[in-house]
Amino acid sequence: MKEKYFTPAKGFKAAQPNFQFSKQLRVGKISALLTFVFIMLFSATAWSQVEIALVNRSEKSIYTPVHLHELKIQNNTGQTQQYVLQAEATNCGKKAYSDLDFRILNQQQTETNTFSVPAGASVTFYVETKESVRTKKNTWNCLEIKALSSSGANPLTSFVLKSFIPDSSKTE
């Protein structure tokens, strides 16, 4: 038996596949998918539960051995949160590195590491850095400040405070 094929009526052309339209549709779907993924990634990274930011760097001369840096911790949740701040020296990359002594202070400049932050608000705190006998000159210090939940679980966020330690004996 001979197979039958569709033949258009007189005056009509048979429909041909439009590969150009198919290609445009495929590119459109890919573009929409990539846009969606980008928006989701941006939303996830742009909104975090807590943020630490530098408000004011110490205004003292870099040759002064003690510096007080003003930072803030921002609570982006809908409830008051207790945060525990931890600070530790960290690698400064390829730069020469040295240790500084440090303390975390509250707004009254009393040493503490626990902060209660109301929902949608921020609390100011200070990091005091101080040269010690083991501090090397003409080096950098990088101090990573981490915010943990009151349960002490994994860090929720962190901020790196970088300081240059000049050699004051070589000033002009």
N, C-alpha and C. Protein backbone atom coordinates (compact mmCIF):
# COMPACT_ATOMS: atom_id res chain seq x y z
N MET A 1 0.82 -1.17 0.00
CA MET A 1 0.00 0.00 0.00
C MET A 1 0.87 1.24 0.00
N LYS A 2 0.53 2.17 -0.82
CA LYS A 2 1.31 3.38 -0.98
C LYS A 2 0.95 4.35 0.16
N GLU A 3 1.99 4.98 0.78
CA GLU A 3 1.74 5.92 1.87
C GLU A 3 1.14 7.19 1.32
N LYS A 4 0.26 7.78 2.10
CA LYS A 4 -0.36 9.02 1.68
C LYS A 4 0.32 10.18 2.40
N TYR A 5 0.56 11.20 1.66
CA TYR A 5 1.15 12.41 2.22
C TYR A 5 0.15 13.53 2.10
N PHE A 6 0.24 14.46 3.04
CA PHE A 6 -0.64 15.61 2.99
C PHE A 6 -0.22 16.51 1.84
N THR A 7 -1.15 16.88 1.05
CA THR A 7 -0.89 17.84 -0.02
C THR A 7 -1.84 19.00 0.19
N PRO A 8 -1.29 20.21 0.16
CA PRO A 8 -2.13 21.37 0.40
C PRO A 8 -3.10 21.61 -0.74
N ALA A 9 -4.17 22.27 -0.43
CA ALA A 9 -5.14 22.63 -1.46
C ALA A 9 -4.51 23.60 -2.43
N LYS A 10 -5.07 23.72 -3.59
CA LYS A 10 -4.51 24.61 -4.60
C LYS A 10 -4.46 26.04 -4.07
N GLY A 11 -3.39 26.73 -4.36
CA GLY A 11 -3.22 28.11 -3.96
C GLY A 11 -2.56 28.27 -2.59
N PHE A 12 -2.33 27.16 -1.85
CA PHE A 12 -1.67 27.22 -0.55
C PHE A 12 -0.35 26.48 -0.63
N LYS A 13 0.65 27.03 0.06
CA LYS A 13 1.94 26.34 0.12
C LYS A 13 1.98 25.47 1.37
N ALA A 14 2.70 24.39 1.26
CA ALA A 14 2.86 23.52 2.42
C ALA A 14 3.68 24.25 3.48
N ALA A 15 3.29 24.07 4.74
CA ALA A 15 4.00 24.73 5.84
C ALA A 15 5.40 24.16 5.96
N GLN A 16 6.37 25.04 5.94
CA GLN A 16 7.76 24.64 6.09
C GLN A 16 8.19 24.98 7.51
N PRO A 17 9.02 24.14 8.10
CA PRO A 17 9.49 24.47 9.45
C PRO A 17 10.28 25.77 9.42
N ASN A 18 10.00 26.65 10.38
CA ASN A 18 10.71 27.92 10.46
C ASN A 18 11.83 27.76 11.48
N PHE A 19 13.00 27.40 11.00
CA PHE A 19 14.13 27.16 11.89
C PHE A 19 14.60 28.44 12.56
N GLN A 20 14.45 29.57 11.89
CA GLN A 20 14.85 30.85 12.47
C GLN A 20 14.00 31.15 13.70
N PHE A 21 12.69 30.95 13.60
CA PHE A 21 11.80 31.17 14.74
C PHE A 21 12.14 30.21 15.88
N SER A 22 12.42 28.98 15.57
CA SER A 22 12.77 27.98 16.57
C SER A 22 14.04 28.38 17.31
N LYS A 23 15.02 28.91 16.56
CA LYS A 23 16.29 29.33 17.16
C LYS A 23 16.05 30.53 18.08
N GLN A 24 15.20 31.48 17.65
CA GLN A 24 14.89 32.65 18.47
C GLN A 24 14.18 32.23 19.76
N LEU A 25 13.27 31.29 19.63
CA LEU A 25 12.55 30.80 20.80
C LEU A 25 13.51 30.15 21.80
N ARG A 26 14.46 29.36 21.30
CA ARG A 26 15.45 28.69 22.15
C ARG A 26 16.33 29.72 22.84
N VAL A 27 16.81 30.73 22.10
CA VAL A 27 17.65 31.78 22.69
C VAL A 27 16.84 32.55 23.73
N GLY A 28 15.58 32.82 23.46
CA GLY A 28 14.72 33.52 24.41
C GLY A 28 14.54 32.76 25.70
N LYS A 29 14.36 31.45 25.61
CA LYS A 29 14.21 30.62 26.81
C LYS A 29 15.50 30.62 27.62
N ILE A 30 16.63 30.52 26.94
CA ILE A 30 17.91 30.51 27.64
C ILE A 30 18.14 31.85 28.32
N SER A 31 17.85 32.94 27.63
CA SER A 31 18.01 34.28 28.22
C SER A 31 17.12 34.44 29.45
N ALA A 32 15.89 33.99 29.35
CA ALA A 32 14.97 34.10 30.49
C ALA A 32 15.47 33.27 31.66
N LEU A 33 15.97 32.09 31.40
CA LEU A 33 16.49 31.22 32.45
C LEU A 33 17.71 31.84 33.12
N LEU A 34 18.64 32.38 32.33
CA LEU A 34 19.83 33.01 32.89
C LEU A 34 19.47 34.24 33.71
N THR A 35 18.52 35.02 33.23
CA THR A 35 18.07 36.20 33.99
C THR A 35 17.48 35.78 35.32
N PHE A 36 16.66 34.74 35.32
CA PHE A 36 16.05 34.24 36.55
C PHE A 36 17.12 33.78 37.54
N VAL A 37 18.09 33.01 37.05
CA VAL A 37 19.17 32.52 37.92
C VAL A 37 19.97 33.68 38.49
N PHE A 38 20.28 34.68 37.67
CA PHE A 38 21.04 35.84 38.13
C PHE A 38 20.27 36.58 39.23
N ILE A 39 18.98 36.79 39.02
CA ILE A 39 18.17 37.49 40.02
C ILE A 39 18.13 36.71 41.32
N MET A 40 17.99 35.41 41.25
CA MET A 40 17.95 34.58 42.46
C MET A 40 19.27 34.63 43.21
N LEU A 41 20.39 34.55 42.48
CA LEU A 41 21.70 34.61 43.13
C LEU A 41 21.92 35.97 43.76
N PHE A 42 21.55 37.03 43.04
CA PHE A 42 21.72 38.38 43.56
C PHE A 42 20.88 38.57 44.82
N SER A 43 19.66 38.10 44.79
CA SER A 43 18.77 38.23 45.95
C SER A 43 19.33 37.48 47.15
N ALA A 44 19.86 36.31 46.93
CA ALA A 44 20.39 35.50 48.04
C ALA A 44 21.62 36.14 48.65
N THR A 45 22.48 36.77 47.83
CA THR A 45 23.70 37.36 48.37
C THR A 45 23.48 38.77 48.88
N ALA A 46 22.52 39.50 48.27
CA ALA A 46 22.31 40.88 48.67
C ALA A 46 21.59 40.97 50.02
N TRP A 47 20.79 40.00 50.35
CA TRP A 47 20.05 40.03 51.60
C TRP A 47 20.59 38.95 52.50
N SER A 48 21.20 39.37 53.57
CA SER A 48 21.66 38.40 54.56
C SER A 48 21.06 38.78 55.91
N GLN A 49 21.08 37.85 56.82
CA GLN A 49 20.47 38.07 58.13
C GLN A 49 21.20 39.13 58.94
N VAL A 50 22.51 39.20 58.77
CA VAL A 50 23.31 40.13 59.56
C VAL A 50 24.47 40.64 58.71
N GLU A 51 24.84 41.89 58.93
CA GLU A 51 25.96 42.49 58.22
C GLU A 51 26.84 43.24 59.20
N ILE A 52 28.13 43.24 58.91
CA ILE A 52 29.09 44.05 59.67
C ILE A 52 29.71 45.03 58.69
N ALA A 53 29.77 46.30 59.09
CA ALA A 53 30.32 47.32 58.19
C ALA A 53 31.16 48.32 58.99
N LEU A 54 32.15 48.88 58.32
CA LEU A 54 33.00 49.92 58.90
C LEU A 54 32.26 51.24 58.82
N VAL A 55 32.16 51.95 59.95
CA VAL A 55 31.52 53.26 59.98
C VAL A 55 32.59 54.34 59.88
N ASN A 56 33.58 54.29 60.76
CA ASN A 56 34.68 55.26 60.77
C ASN A 56 35.98 54.56 61.13
N ARG A 57 36.95 54.73 60.28
CA ARG A 57 38.30 54.24 60.57
C ARG A 57 38.93 55.21 61.56
N SER A 58 39.84 54.74 62.37
CA SER A 58 40.53 55.59 63.34
C SER A 58 41.09 56.83 62.63
N GLU A 59 40.89 57.97 63.26
CA GLU A 59 41.37 59.23 62.67
C GLU A 59 42.75 59.62 63.18
N LYS A 60 43.32 58.80 64.03
CA LYS A 60 44.66 59.10 64.56
C LYS A 60 45.71 58.87 63.48
N SER A 61 46.84 59.47 63.67
CA SER A 61 47.97 59.27 62.76
C SER A 61 48.31 57.79 62.70
N ILE A 62 48.73 57.32 61.52
CA ILE A 62 49.07 55.89 61.42
C ILE A 62 50.27 55.53 62.29
N TYR A 63 51.00 56.54 62.76
CA TYR A 63 52.17 56.28 63.62
C TYR A 63 51.77 56.11 65.09
N THR A 64 50.51 56.34 65.42
CA THR A 64 50.02 56.15 66.78
C THR A 64 49.85 54.65 67.03
N PRO A 65 50.31 54.14 68.18
CA PRO A 65 50.26 52.69 68.41
C PRO A 65 48.86 52.13 68.74
N VAL A 66 47.90 52.99 69.15
CA VAL A 66 46.57 52.52 69.50
C VAL A 66 45.54 53.20 68.58
N HIS A 67 44.65 52.40 68.02
CA HIS A 67 43.60 52.93 67.14
C HIS A 67 42.25 52.38 67.54
N LEU A 68 41.22 53.23 67.38
CA LEU A 68 39.86 52.84 67.70
C LEU A 68 39.02 52.99 66.42
N HIS A 69 38.51 51.86 65.91
CA HIS A 69 37.73 51.83 64.67
C HIS A 69 36.26 51.60 65.03
N GLU A 70 35.39 52.42 64.43
CA GLU A 70 33.95 52.30 64.69
C GLU A 70 33.31 51.43 63.61
N LEU A 71 32.59 50.40 64.04
CA LEU A 71 31.88 49.51 63.12
C LEU A 71 30.44 49.39 63.57
N LYS A 72 29.62 48.76 62.74
CA LYS A 72 28.24 48.49 63.15
C LYS A 72 27.85 47.09 62.74
N ILE A 73 26.93 46.54 63.51
CA ILE A 73 26.35 45.24 63.18
C ILE A 73 24.87 45.48 62.90
N GLN A 74 24.42 45.05 61.72
CA GLN A 74 23.05 45.30 61.25
C GLN A 74 22.26 43.99 61.29
N ASN A 75 21.11 44.02 61.97
CA ASN A 75 20.21 42.87 62.05
C ASN A 75 19.12 43.05 60.99
N ASN A 76 19.12 42.21 59.96
CA ASN A 76 18.15 42.31 58.87
C ASN A 76 16.97 41.36 59.04
N THR A 77 16.82 40.78 60.22
CA THR A 77 15.71 39.86 60.45
C THR A 77 14.53 40.62 61.07
N GLY A 78 13.45 39.92 61.29
CA GLY A 78 12.25 40.51 61.88
C GLY A 78 12.17 40.37 63.38
N GLN A 79 13.25 39.88 64.02
CA GLN A 79 13.25 39.68 65.47
C GLN A 79 14.56 40.19 66.06
N THR A 80 14.52 40.57 67.33
CA THR A 80 15.75 40.93 68.04
C THR A 80 16.65 39.71 68.07
N GLN A 81 17.93 39.92 67.80
CA GLN A 81 18.90 38.82 67.75
C GLN A 81 20.07 39.10 68.69
N GLN A 82 20.59 38.03 69.27
CA GLN A 82 21.82 38.10 70.06
C GLN A 82 22.96 37.61 69.17
N TYR A 83 24.00 38.40 69.05
CA TYR A 83 25.16 38.02 68.26
C TYR A 83 26.40 37.98 69.14
N VAL A 84 27.24 37.02 68.86
CA VAL A 84 28.54 36.92 69.52
C VAL A 84 29.58 37.28 68.46
N LEU A 85 30.41 38.26 68.76
CA LEU A 85 31.46 38.67 67.82
C LEU A 85 32.78 38.04 68.23
N GLN A 86 33.46 37.48 67.26
CA GLN A 86 34.80 36.93 67.47
C GLN A 86 35.74 37.62 66.51
N ALA A 87 36.94 37.87 66.96
CA ALA A 87 37.95 38.49 66.10
C ALA A 87 39.21 37.65 66.15
N GLU A 88 39.82 37.48 64.99
CA GLU A 88 41.08 36.75 64.92
C GLU A 88 41.92 37.27 63.77
N ALA A 89 43.22 37.23 63.97
CA ALA A 89 44.13 37.65 62.91
C ALA A 89 44.00 36.68 61.74
N THR A 90 44.06 37.24 60.55
CA THR A 90 43.95 36.41 59.35
C THR A 90 45.01 36.84 58.36
N ASN A 91 45.23 36.02 57.36
CA ASN A 91 46.24 36.28 56.34
C ASN A 91 45.86 37.51 55.52
N CYS A 92 46.83 38.34 55.21
CA CYS A 92 46.61 39.55 54.41
C CYS A 92 46.98 39.33 52.95
N GLY A 93 46.96 38.12 52.50
CA GLY A 93 47.34 37.86 51.11
C GLY A 93 48.85 37.83 50.97
N LYS A 94 49.36 38.49 49.95
CA LYS A 94 50.80 38.46 49.68
C LYS A 94 51.57 39.53 50.44
N LYS A 95 50.87 40.31 51.27
CA LYS A 95 51.52 41.39 52.01
C LYS A 95 52.21 40.85 53.25
N ALA A 96 53.30 41.53 53.67
CA ALA A 96 53.97 41.17 54.91
C ALA A 96 52.98 41.37 56.05
N TYR A 97 52.97 40.46 57.00
CA TYR A 97 51.94 40.39 58.01
C TYR A 97 52.53 40.46 59.41
N SER A 98 51.80 41.10 60.34
CA SER A 98 52.22 41.16 61.72
C SER A 98 50.99 41.18 62.63
N ASP A 99 51.19 40.80 63.89
CA ASP A 99 50.09 40.76 64.85
C ASP A 99 49.91 42.10 65.56
N LEU A 100 48.67 42.39 65.89
CA LEU A 100 48.32 43.50 66.77
C LEU A 100 47.45 42.92 67.88
N ASP A 101 47.49 43.54 69.05
CA ASP A 101 46.54 43.18 70.09
C ASP A 101 45.23 43.89 69.75
N PHE A 102 44.11 43.30 70.13
CA PHE A 102 42.83 43.92 69.82
C PHE A 102 41.80 43.61 70.89
N ARG A 103 40.79 44.47 70.94
CA ARG A 103 39.64 44.28 71.84
C ARG A 103 38.39 44.72 71.11
N ILE A 104 37.26 44.06 71.40
CA ILE A 104 35.96 44.48 70.90
C ILE A 104 35.27 45.21 72.04
N LEU A 105 34.77 46.42 71.74
CA LEU A 105 34.18 47.27 72.76
C LEU A 105 32.75 47.66 72.36
N ASN A 106 31.88 47.85 73.36
CA ASN A 106 30.52 48.31 73.07
C ASN A 106 30.52 49.83 72.94
N GLN A 107 29.31 50.43 72.85
CA GLN A 107 29.19 51.88 72.66
C GLN A 107 29.76 52.67 73.84
N GLN A 108 29.76 52.07 75.03
CA GLN A 108 30.34 52.73 76.20
C GLN A 108 31.84 52.46 76.30
N GLN A 109 32.37 51.79 75.29
CA GLN A 109 33.77 51.40 75.18
C GLN A 109 34.22 50.49 76.32
N THR A 110 33.29 49.59 76.68
CA THR A 110 33.57 48.53 77.64
C THR A 110 33.77 47.25 76.85
N GLU A 111 34.75 46.45 77.24
CA GLU A 111 35.05 45.23 76.49
C GLU A 111 33.91 44.22 76.61
N THR A 112 33.45 43.72 75.47
CA THR A 112 32.40 42.70 75.41
C THR A 112 32.45 42.05 74.02
N ASN A 113 31.77 40.94 73.88
CA ASN A 113 31.68 40.33 72.55
C ASN A 113 30.25 39.90 72.23
N THR A 114 29.29 40.23 73.10
CA THR A 114 27.89 39.87 72.90
C THR A 114 27.06 41.13 72.70
N PHE A 115 26.25 41.12 71.64
CA PHE A 115 25.44 42.29 71.31
C PHE A 115 24.01 41.86 71.02
N SER A 116 23.05 42.59 71.59
CA SER A 116 21.63 42.38 71.31
C SER A 116 21.23 43.46 70.32
N VAL A 117 20.74 43.03 69.13
CA VAL A 117 20.41 43.98 68.07
C VAL A 117 18.93 43.85 67.74
N PRO A 118 18.17 44.94 67.90
CA PRO A 118 16.73 44.89 67.58
C PRO A 118 16.49 44.59 66.10
N ALA A 119 15.30 44.12 65.79
CA ALA A 119 14.91 43.79 64.41
C ALA A 119 15.06 45.00 63.51
N GLY A 120 15.72 44.81 62.38
CA GLY A 120 15.86 45.88 61.39
C GLY A 120 16.73 47.04 61.83
N ALA A 121 17.48 46.89 62.89
CA ALA A 121 18.30 47.99 63.42
C ALA A 121 19.78 47.60 63.41
N SER A 122 20.61 48.57 63.78
CA SER A 122 22.04 48.30 63.89
C SER A 122 22.55 48.82 65.23
N VAL A 123 23.66 48.24 65.66
CA VAL A 123 24.30 48.63 66.91
C VAL A 123 25.76 48.94 66.59
N THR A 124 26.23 50.05 67.12
CA THR A 124 27.62 50.45 66.92
C THR A 124 28.51 49.73 67.93
N PHE A 125 29.68 49.33 67.46
CA PHE A 125 30.70 48.78 68.36
C PHE A 125 32.06 49.25 67.88
N TYR A 126 33.07 49.02 68.67
CA TYR A 126 34.42 49.49 68.35
C TYR A 126 35.40 48.33 68.39
N VAL A 127 36.41 48.44 67.54
CA VAL A 127 37.53 47.50 67.60
C VAL A 127 38.77 48.35 67.88
N GLU A 128 39.39 48.06 69.01
CA GLU A 128 40.62 48.75 69.38
C GLU A 128 41.80 47.88 68.97
N THR A 129 42.70 48.44 68.19
CA THR A 129 43.92 47.73 67.82
C THR A 129 45.11 48.43 68.48
N LYS A 130 46.07 47.62 68.90
CA LYS A 130 47.20 48.16 69.67
C LYS A 130 48.46 47.39 69.31
N GLU A 131 49.52 48.13 69.05
CA GLU A 131 50.81 47.49 68.78
C GLU A 131 51.32 46.82 70.06
N SER A 132 52.01 45.70 69.87
CA SER A 132 52.61 45.00 71.00
C SER A 132 54.12 44.86 70.74
N VAL A 133 54.82 44.23 71.66
CA VAL A 133 56.26 44.04 71.48
C VAL A 133 56.57 43.11 70.31
N ARG A 134 55.63 42.26 69.94
CA ARG A 134 55.87 41.33 68.83
C ARG A 134 55.45 41.90 67.47
N THR A 135 54.91 43.14 67.47
CA THR A 135 54.46 43.76 66.22
C THR A 135 55.65 44.19 65.38
N LYS A 136 55.67 43.72 64.14
CA LYS A 136 56.73 44.10 63.20
C LYS A 136 56.31 45.36 62.46
N LYS A 137 57.28 46.21 62.14
CA LYS A 137 57.01 47.47 61.45
C LYS A 137 57.00 47.26 59.93
N ASN A 138 56.35 48.21 59.24
CA ASN A 138 56.19 48.18 57.78
C ASN A 138 55.53 46.88 57.31
N THR A 139 54.50 46.49 58.04
CA THR A 139 53.74 45.29 57.70
C THR A 139 52.25 45.62 57.79
N TRP A 140 51.44 44.66 57.45
CA TRP A 140 49.99 44.80 57.52
C TRP A 140 49.44 43.88 58.60
N ASN A 141 48.29 44.27 59.14
CA ASN A 141 47.53 43.40 60.03
C ASN A 141 46.13 43.30 59.47
N CYS A 142 45.62 42.09 59.37
CA CYS A 142 44.25 41.86 58.92
C CYS A 142 43.52 41.13 60.03
N LEU A 143 42.47 41.74 60.50
CA LEU A 143 41.69 41.22 61.60
C LEU A 143 40.30 40.87 61.07
N GLU A 144 39.94 39.58 61.15
CA GLU A 144 38.62 39.15 60.68
C GLU A 144 37.66 39.14 61.86
N ILE A 145 36.58 39.91 61.73
CA ILE A 145 35.56 40.00 62.77
C ILE A 145 34.36 39.18 62.28
N LYS A 146 33.99 38.17 63.05
CA LYS A 146 32.90 37.26 62.67
C LYS A 146 31.72 37.45 63.60
N ALA A 147 30.52 37.40 63.01
CA ALA A 147 29.29 37.43 63.81
C ALA A 147 28.72 36.02 63.84
N LEU A 148 28.49 35.52 65.03
CA LEU A 148 27.90 34.20 65.22
C LEU A 148 26.57 34.37 65.94
N SER A 149 25.68 33.40 65.77
CA SER A 149 24.44 33.42 66.54
C SER A 149 24.80 33.18 68.00
N SER A 150 23.89 33.45 68.88
CA SER A 150 24.17 33.26 70.31
C SER A 150 24.47 31.80 70.65
N SER A 151 24.06 30.87 69.78
CA SER A 151 24.36 29.45 70.02
C SER A 151 25.81 29.13 69.64
N GLY A 152 26.49 30.07 68.98
CA GLY A 152 27.88 29.86 68.62
C GLY A 152 28.06 28.99 67.39
N ALA A 153 27.02 28.87 66.57
CA ALA A 153 27.11 28.05 65.36
C ALA A 153 28.04 28.72 64.34
N ASN A 154 28.03 28.22 63.14
CA ASN A 154 28.88 28.75 62.07
C ASN A 154 28.73 30.27 61.94
N PRO A 155 29.79 30.95 61.53
CA PRO A 155 29.69 32.41 61.36
C PRO A 155 28.60 32.77 60.36
N LEU A 156 27.83 33.80 60.70
CA LEU A 156 26.76 34.28 59.83
C LEU A 156 27.32 35.25 58.80
N THR A 157 28.32 36.02 59.19
CA THR A 157 28.98 36.96 58.30
C THR A 157 30.33 37.32 58.91
N SER A 158 31.17 37.97 58.12
CA SER A 158 32.45 38.43 58.65
C SER A 158 32.88 39.69 57.91
N PHE A 159 33.82 40.39 58.50
CA PHE A 159 34.37 41.63 57.95
C PHE A 159 35.86 41.64 58.26
N VAL A 160 36.69 42.03 57.30
CA VAL A 160 38.14 42.08 57.52
C VAL A 160 38.57 43.54 57.64
N LEU A 161 39.18 43.86 58.78
CA LEU A 161 39.71 45.19 59.05
C LEU A 161 41.21 45.15 58.79
N LYS A 162 41.67 45.95 57.81
CA LYS A 162 43.09 45.95 57.43
C LYS A 162 43.76 47.19 57.99
N SER A 163 44.95 47.01 58.54
CA SER A 163 45.71 48.12 59.11
C SER A 163 47.17 48.02 58.67
N PHE A 164 47.75 49.15 58.30
CA PHE A 164 49.18 49.20 57.98
C PHE A 164 49.92 49.66 59.22
N ILE A 165 51.05 49.02 59.51
CA ILE A 165 51.86 49.34 60.68
C ILE A 165 53.19 49.91 60.18
N PRO A 166 53.30 51.24 60.14
CA PRO A 166 54.53 51.86 59.62
C PRO A 166 55.65 51.84 60.64
N ASP A 167 56.83 52.08 60.15
CA ASP A 167 58.00 52.21 61.02
C ASP A 167 58.17 53.69 61.33
N SER A 168 57.80 54.11 62.55
CA SER A 168 57.85 55.52 62.91
C SER A 168 59.27 56.07 63.01
N SER A 169 60.25 55.20 63.13
CA SER A 169 61.63 55.66 63.21
C SER A 169 62.14 56.12 61.84
N LYS A 170 61.44 55.81 60.78
CA LYS A 170 61.86 56.18 59.44
C LYS A 170 61.05 57.34 58.86
N THR A 171 60.39 58.14 59.72
CA THR A 171 59.64 59.29 59.22
C THR A 171 60.58 60.45 58.97
N GLU A 172 60.18 61.30 58.06
CA GLU A 172 61.02 62.44 57.73
C GLU A 172 60.66 63.63 58.54
